[in-house]
Protein backbone atom coordinates (compact mmCIF):
# COMPACT_ATOMS: atom_id res chain seq x y z
CA UNK A 1 44.83 -127.97 91.25
CA UNK A 2 42.61 -128.22 88.16
CA UNK A 3 40.03 -125.54 87.46
CA UNK A 4 36.42 -126.43 88.26
CA UNK A 5 33.95 -126.06 85.39
CA UNK A 6 31.30 -123.35 85.65
CA UNK A 7 27.81 -124.46 86.78
CA UNK A 8 26.30 -124.30 83.29
CA UNK A 9 28.99 -126.63 81.92
CA UNK A 10 28.53 -129.10 84.79
CA UNK A 11 24.76 -129.03 84.28
CA UNK A 12 25.15 -129.68 80.57
CA UNK A 13 27.53 -132.57 81.29
CA UNK A 14 25.10 -134.21 83.72
CA UNK A 15 22.22 -133.68 81.28
CA UNK A 16 24.32 -135.28 78.57
CA UNK A 17 25.03 -138.30 80.78
CA UNK A 18 21.28 -138.69 81.31
CA UNK A 19 20.64 -138.38 77.57
CA UNK A 20 23.24 -141.05 76.82
CA UNK A 21 21.72 -143.37 79.42
CA UNK A 22 18.32 -142.90 77.74
CA UNK A 23 19.78 -143.52 74.27
CA UNK A 24 19.02 -139.97 73.11
CA UNK A 25 22.19 -139.54 71.07
CA UNK A 26 20.97 -136.44 69.24
CA UNK A 27 20.51 -134.58 72.53
CA UNK A 28 23.80 -135.96 73.84
CA UNK A 29 25.63 -134.64 70.77
CA UNK A 30 23.93 -131.26 71.12
CA UNK A 31 25.02 -130.95 74.74
CA UNK A 32 28.54 -132.06 73.91
CA UNK A 33 28.75 -129.30 71.31
CA UNK A 34 27.64 -126.76 73.94
CA UNK A 35 30.27 -128.00 76.37
CA UNK A 36 33.03 -127.81 73.76
CA UNK A 37 31.87 -124.35 72.62
CA UNK A 38 32.37 -123.21 76.21
CA UNK A 39 36.01 -124.33 76.02
CA UNK A 40 35.71 -127.64 77.89
CA UNK A 41 36.44 -131.23 76.90
CA UNK A 42 34.34 -134.15 78.12
CA UNK A 43 35.68 -137.70 78.31
CA UNK A 44 33.24 -140.53 78.93
CA UNK A 45 34.16 -143.13 81.51
CA UNK A 46 31.39 -145.72 81.40
CA UNK A 47 28.29 -144.06 82.83
CA UNK A 48 30.45 -141.27 84.30
CA UNK A 49 32.49 -138.50 82.71
CA UNK A 50 35.45 -136.21 83.28
CA UNK A 51 35.61 -132.52 82.35
CA UNK A 52 38.80 -130.61 81.59
CA UNK A 53 39.72 -127.39 79.88
CA UNK A 54 40.11 -127.91 76.13
CA UNK A 55 43.05 -125.52 76.04
CA UNK A 56 44.65 -122.58 77.79
CA UNK A 57 42.46 -119.69 78.83
CA UNK A 58 42.59 -116.51 76.77
CA UNK A 59 44.90 -113.89 78.24
CA UNK A 60 43.73 -110.27 78.15
CA UNK A 61 46.55 -107.75 78.11
CA UNK A 62 46.62 -104.00 77.61
CA UNK A 63 45.49 -103.52 74.05
CA UNK A 64 45.78 -107.22 73.17
CA UNK A 65 44.09 -110.57 73.60
CA UNK A 66 46.08 -113.79 73.35
CA UNK A 67 43.83 -116.70 72.44
CA UNK A 68 44.24 -120.10 74.03
CA UNK A 69 42.52 -122.02 71.21
CA UNK A 70 41.84 -121.36 67.57
CA UNK A 71 38.08 -121.59 68.08
CA UNK A 72 38.28 -118.84 70.73
CA UNK A 73 39.22 -116.37 67.97
CA UNK A 74 36.08 -114.41 67.03
CA UNK A 75 34.96 -115.66 63.63
CA UNK A 76 34.04 -113.46 60.67
CA UNK A 77 33.23 -116.42 58.44
CA UNK A 78 29.52 -115.85 58.87
CA UNK A 79 29.84 -112.36 57.39
CA UNK A 80 29.51 -111.77 53.65
CA UNK A 81 32.85 -111.65 51.87
CA UNK A 82 33.88 -108.00 51.53
CA UNK A 83 37.26 -108.09 49.74
CA UNK A 84 38.60 -110.21 46.89
CA UNK A 85 41.32 -112.08 48.79
CA UNK A 86 42.63 -112.80 52.28
CA UNK A 87 46.17 -114.00 52.88
CA UNK A 88 46.90 -115.89 56.10
CA UNK A 89 50.46 -116.35 57.32
CA UNK A 90 52.06 -117.55 60.56
CA UNK A 91 54.67 -115.70 62.63
CA UNK A 92 56.82 -117.77 64.99
CA UNK A 93 60.60 -117.46 65.12
CA UNK A 94 62.08 -115.69 62.07
CA UNK A 95 61.10 -112.00 61.87
CA UNK A 96 63.24 -111.43 58.80
CA UNK A 97 61.16 -113.94 56.83
CA UNK A 98 57.88 -112.29 57.75
CA UNK A 99 59.29 -108.81 57.03
CA UNK A 100 60.41 -109.98 53.59
CA UNK A 101 56.98 -111.41 52.76
CA UNK A 102 55.09 -108.36 54.01
CA UNK A 103 57.41 -105.98 52.20
CA UNK A 104 56.71 -107.81 48.95
CA UNK A 105 52.96 -107.81 49.54
CA UNK A 106 53.03 -104.06 50.19
CA UNK A 107 54.51 -103.59 46.74
CA UNK A 108 52.54 -106.11 44.75
CA UNK A 109 49.25 -107.10 46.46
CA UNK A 110 46.14 -105.86 44.62
CA UNK A 111 44.24 -103.07 46.30
CA UNK A 112 41.83 -104.23 48.97
CA UNK A 113 43.76 -107.37 49.91
CA UNK A 114 43.42 -108.49 53.53
CA UNK A 115 46.38 -109.93 55.43
CA UNK A 116 46.02 -111.87 58.69
CA UNK A 117 49.17 -112.69 60.66
CA UNK A 118 48.84 -115.41 63.28
CA UNK A 119 51.42 -114.64 65.96
CA UNK A 120 51.58 -118.24 67.14
CA UNK A 121 53.28 -117.79 70.54
CA UNK A 122 56.15 -116.07 68.73
CA UNK A 123 59.71 -115.78 69.97
CA UNK A 124 60.78 -112.66 71.84
CA UNK A 125 62.55 -111.43 68.70
CA UNK A 126 59.48 -111.96 66.54
CA UNK A 127 57.24 -110.33 69.17
CA UNK A 128 59.49 -107.27 69.28
CA UNK A 129 59.33 -106.97 65.49
CA UNK A 130 55.55 -107.25 65.48
CA UNK A 131 55.28 -104.65 68.25
CA UNK A 132 57.77 -102.21 66.73
CA UNK A 133 56.48 -98.70 65.96
CA UNK A 134 57.07 -99.36 62.26
CA UNK A 135 55.85 -102.96 62.48
CA UNK A 136 53.29 -104.64 60.24
CA UNK A 137 50.20 -103.39 62.06
CA UNK A 138 51.14 -99.79 61.26
CA UNK A 139 52.11 -100.17 57.62
CA UNK A 140 49.16 -100.74 55.28
CA UNK A 141 49.22 -103.39 52.62
CA UNK A 142 47.26 -101.82 49.78
CA UNK A 143 44.27 -100.32 51.64
CA UNK A 144 44.21 -102.66 54.66
CA UNK A 145 46.71 -102.86 57.51
CA UNK A 146 47.47 -106.43 58.55
CA UNK A 147 45.49 -107.90 61.42
CA UNK A 148 47.51 -109.79 64.01
CA UNK A 149 45.97 -112.70 65.92
CA UNK A 150 48.01 -113.60 69.03
CA UNK A 151 48.02 -117.00 70.76
CA UNK A 152 48.91 -118.03 74.32
CA UNK A 153 50.71 -121.20 73.28
CA UNK A 154 51.77 -122.63 69.95
CA UNK A 155 48.81 -124.10 68.13
CA UNK A 156 50.81 -125.86 65.43
CA UNK A 157 50.43 -125.34 61.70
CA UNK A 158 46.79 -126.42 61.33
CA UNK A 159 45.68 -124.67 64.51
CA UNK A 160 47.34 -121.42 63.48
CA UNK A 161 45.74 -121.67 60.03
CA UNK A 162 42.32 -122.14 61.63
CA UNK A 163 42.86 -119.10 63.86
CA UNK A 164 43.72 -116.94 60.87
CA UNK A 165 40.99 -118.28 58.63
CA UNK A 166 38.36 -117.33 61.21
CA UNK A 167 39.21 -113.67 60.53
CA UNK A 168 39.09 -113.96 56.73
CA UNK A 169 36.69 -111.73 54.79
CA UNK A 170 38.08 -112.40 51.30
CA UNK A 171 36.17 -114.43 48.73
CA UNK A 172 39.41 -116.32 48.12
CA UNK A 173 41.75 -117.27 50.96
CA UNK A 174 45.42 -118.01 50.48
CA UNK A 175 47.66 -119.73 53.01
CA UNK A 176 51.19 -118.44 52.48
CA UNK A 177 54.38 -119.35 54.31
CA UNK A 178 56.89 -116.59 55.15
CA UNK A 179 59.47 -118.46 53.07
CA UNK A 180 57.64 -117.27 49.93
CA UNK A 181 58.80 -113.93 48.49
CA UNK A 182 56.54 -112.47 45.79
CA UNK A 183 58.34 -110.47 43.09
CA UNK A 184 55.07 -109.45 41.46
CA UNK A 185 51.34 -110.00 41.74
CA UNK A 186 50.89 -113.65 42.70
CA UNK A 187 47.34 -113.22 43.95
CA UNK A 188 45.43 -112.40 40.76
CA UNK A 189 46.46 -115.59 38.89
CA UNK A 190 45.48 -117.74 41.88
CA UNK A 191 42.09 -116.04 42.21
CA UNK A 192 41.41 -116.33 38.47
CA UNK A 193 42.18 -120.05 38.51
CA UNK A 194 39.35 -120.50 41.00
CA UNK A 195 36.89 -118.90 38.56
CA UNK A 196 36.65 -122.44 37.17
CA UNK A 197 34.12 -124.19 39.46
CA UNK A 198 35.80 -127.55 38.85
CA UNK A 199 38.98 -126.27 40.57
CA UNK A 200 38.96 -126.62 44.36
CA UNK A 201 42.52 -125.64 45.26
CA UNK A 202 45.38 -124.02 43.38
CA UNK A 203 49.05 -123.20 43.93
CA UNK A 204 52.42 -123.15 42.23
CA UNK A 205 53.71 -126.48 43.59
CA UNK A 206 51.88 -129.79 43.53
CA UNK A 207 52.32 -133.55 43.71
CA UNK A 208 50.71 -136.71 42.38
CA UNK A 209 50.51 -140.29 43.60
CA UNK A 210 49.69 -143.72 42.25
CA UNK A 211 49.00 -145.40 45.60
CA UNK A 212 48.15 -142.66 48.15
CA UNK A 213 51.26 -143.61 50.11
CA UNK A 214 53.99 -141.96 48.07
CA UNK A 215 53.78 -138.54 46.41
CA UNK A 216 56.08 -137.06 43.80
CA UNK A 217 56.46 -133.49 42.57
CA UNK A 218 54.38 -132.89 39.45
CA UNK A 219 54.49 -130.46 36.56
CA UNK A 220 51.86 -127.81 35.84
CA UNK A 221 48.27 -128.93 35.38
CA UNK A 222 46.04 -131.27 37.35
CA UNK A 223 47.69 -132.71 40.44
CA UNK A 224 46.51 -134.59 43.52
CA UNK A 225 47.70 -132.17 46.18
CA UNK A 226 48.88 -128.56 46.44
CA UNK A 227 51.90 -127.58 48.53
CA UNK A 228 50.88 -125.78 51.71
CA UNK A 229 53.44 -122.99 51.44
CA UNK A 230 51.14 -121.31 48.90
CA UNK A 231 47.63 -122.67 48.45
CA UNK A 232 44.44 -120.85 47.48
CA UNK A 233 40.84 -121.96 47.89
CA UNK A 234 37.40 -120.43 48.32
CA UNK A 235 36.48 -118.94 51.68
CA UNK A 236 33.09 -120.69 51.59
CA UNK A 237 34.92 -124.02 51.79
CA UNK A 238 36.21 -123.20 55.26
CA UNK A 239 32.67 -123.22 56.61
CA UNK A 240 31.51 -126.15 54.48
CA UNK A 241 34.53 -128.46 54.93
CA UNK A 242 36.66 -127.03 57.72
CA UNK A 243 38.15 -126.50 60.11
CA UNK A 244 41.54 -128.07 59.44
CA UNK A 245 42.35 -131.03 61.67
CA UNK A 246 44.54 -129.55 64.39
CA UNK A 247 46.19 -132.87 65.11
CA UNK A 248 48.33 -132.04 62.08
CA UNK A 249 50.94 -130.08 64.01
CA UNK A 250 53.81 -129.90 61.50
CA UNK A 251 53.76 -129.23 57.77
CA UNK A 252 53.77 -132.94 56.90
CA UNK A 253 50.54 -134.15 55.25
CA UNK A 254 48.31 -131.26 56.35
CA UNK A 255 48.39 -129.81 52.82
CA UNK A 256 47.79 -133.27 51.36
CA UNK A 257 44.88 -133.91 53.72
CA UNK A 258 43.30 -130.48 53.12
CA UNK A 259 43.74 -130.75 49.33
CA UNK A 260 41.85 -134.05 49.39
CA UNK A 261 39.17 -132.64 51.68
CA UNK A 262 38.61 -129.76 49.28
CA UNK A 263 38.51 -132.04 46.24
CA UNK A 264 36.26 -134.74 47.67
CA UNK A 265 32.64 -134.54 46.48
CA UNK A 266 31.63 -137.52 48.58
CA UNK A 267 27.98 -136.49 48.40
CA UNK A 268 27.87 -137.03 44.63
CA UNK A 269 29.20 -140.38 43.43
CA UNK A 270 28.36 -139.55 39.82
CA UNK A 271 30.57 -136.46 39.57
CA UNK A 272 34.25 -136.14 38.78
CA UNK A 273 36.35 -135.25 41.81
CA UNK A 274 37.13 -131.59 41.97
CA UNK A 275 40.55 -130.56 40.79
CA UNK A 276 43.79 -129.42 42.36
CA UNK A 277 45.58 -127.22 39.85
CA UNK A 278 49.27 -126.38 39.76
CA UNK A 279 50.06 -123.25 37.75
CA UNK A 280 53.48 -122.17 36.51
CA UNK A 281 54.94 -118.73 36.06
CA UNK A 282 54.00 -117.03 39.33
CA UNK A 283 56.46 -114.20 40.08
CA UNK A 284 58.06 -115.34 43.32
CA UNK A 285 61.24 -116.58 44.94
CA UNK A 286 61.23 -119.47 47.38
CA UNK A 287 63.55 -119.45 50.37
CA UNK A 288 64.26 -122.28 52.79
CA UNK A 289 61.25 -123.11 54.90
CA UNK A 290 61.86 -122.86 58.64
CA UNK A 291 61.14 -125.72 60.99
CA UNK A 292 59.75 -125.10 64.45
CA UNK A 293 62.74 -125.13 66.84
CA UNK A 294 60.45 -125.84 69.79
CA UNK A 295 59.96 -129.39 68.45
CA UNK A 296 62.79 -131.90 68.76
CA UNK A 297 63.75 -134.18 65.90
CA UNK A 298 62.26 -137.12 67.79
CA UNK A 299 58.98 -135.29 68.37
CA UNK A 300 58.85 -134.24 64.73
CA UNK A 301 59.35 -137.81 63.55
CA UNK A 302 56.49 -139.01 65.77
CA UNK A 303 54.18 -136.20 64.68
CA UNK A 304 54.96 -136.79 61.01
CA UNK A 305 54.24 -140.51 61.34
CA UNK A 306 50.92 -139.85 63.06
CA UNK A 307 50.03 -137.33 60.37
CA UNK A 308 50.62 -139.93 57.67
CA UNK A 309 48.39 -142.46 59.44
CA UNK A 310 45.74 -139.77 59.94
CA UNK A 311 45.69 -139.05 56.21
CA UNK A 312 45.56 -142.77 55.36
CA UNK A 313 42.77 -143.36 57.88
CA UNK A 314 40.51 -140.98 55.97
CA UNK A 315 41.71 -141.22 52.38
CA UNK A 316 43.71 -144.45 52.17
CA UNK A 317 40.94 -146.12 50.18
CA UNK A 318 40.11 -143.17 47.94
CA UNK A 319 42.10 -143.99 44.83
CA UNK A 320 39.18 -142.52 42.88
CA UNK A 321 40.55 -139.08 43.82
CA UNK A 322 43.88 -139.68 42.09
CA UNK A 323 44.54 -137.96 38.78
CA UNK A 324 46.15 -141.14 37.44
CA UNK A 325 42.78 -142.87 37.65
CA UNK A 326 40.76 -140.11 36.00
CA UNK A 327 40.97 -141.53 32.50
CA UNK A 328 39.91 -144.96 33.77
CA UNK A 329 36.74 -143.43 35.18
CA UNK A 330 35.70 -141.83 31.92
CA UNK A 331 33.42 -143.88 29.65
CA UNK A 332 34.94 -144.99 26.37
CA UNK A 333 33.86 -142.96 23.38
CA UNK A 334 31.55 -144.91 21.07
């Protein structure tokens, strides 16, 4: 039996139906936002509607909260930035990968770095490692012990990123996959690259395209998209341009989509698109990236195809954002 909405949600839904009938779309949108903020989803059916929970309820345990949705995670994005950098990583099924990453960050992260681990409905083995007496929450990285955000169910790659980003207090935020193993300070070069206001996103791997349908690995310099296993951008962009679209469940195209979102100055047709910058020489080792074993090959293929269409739906006509077309946009020198 489905859960009944609380009275205030039902009242808002009926008020929204009345606003829609009267053509007051501004009020209808306001009420819809209130309904969604309360954790409910409304689906219009002609002049009627249906309400359902937007996701699982949060689960409160002894000493821990597991969040049912990314937007249920208390946000710190409205606070002033208080540290130079926040790293967000996701913990699912391979505790040895996370331990390797965290061990490297303990040795090489600059003092004051914040680390947020999204325990995205992790496996029993990963949960045991996170809960161990000598686990990540007890061992400080520089001056800050990692914060762990737990979820009830798997949110997928974009949803987990959103959950972690809501806890970020660094001026620069870096999404990092546990397959990355720093062998030195990788954070300072990424942060310094963003000192250039024309740069929107930076990492050590990138790709370019000539048609927005096919992307190829590119050498250092300006690229069209930054690989999501290590990508840095300004925290202020999360509020201005986020959150990430949580329909991107796997790694396919979410980094491409987010790179284009960060680079797109669609409110200023006269300006050059902001840049994605690939930098060489970061001290790190890359290991094989894990795939989510909870998703079958058939499911992955479907999700990847939908992700491609989702990217094309928004950016398929935006060839102006491609590096290959930058020279064509510049006026000829007289």
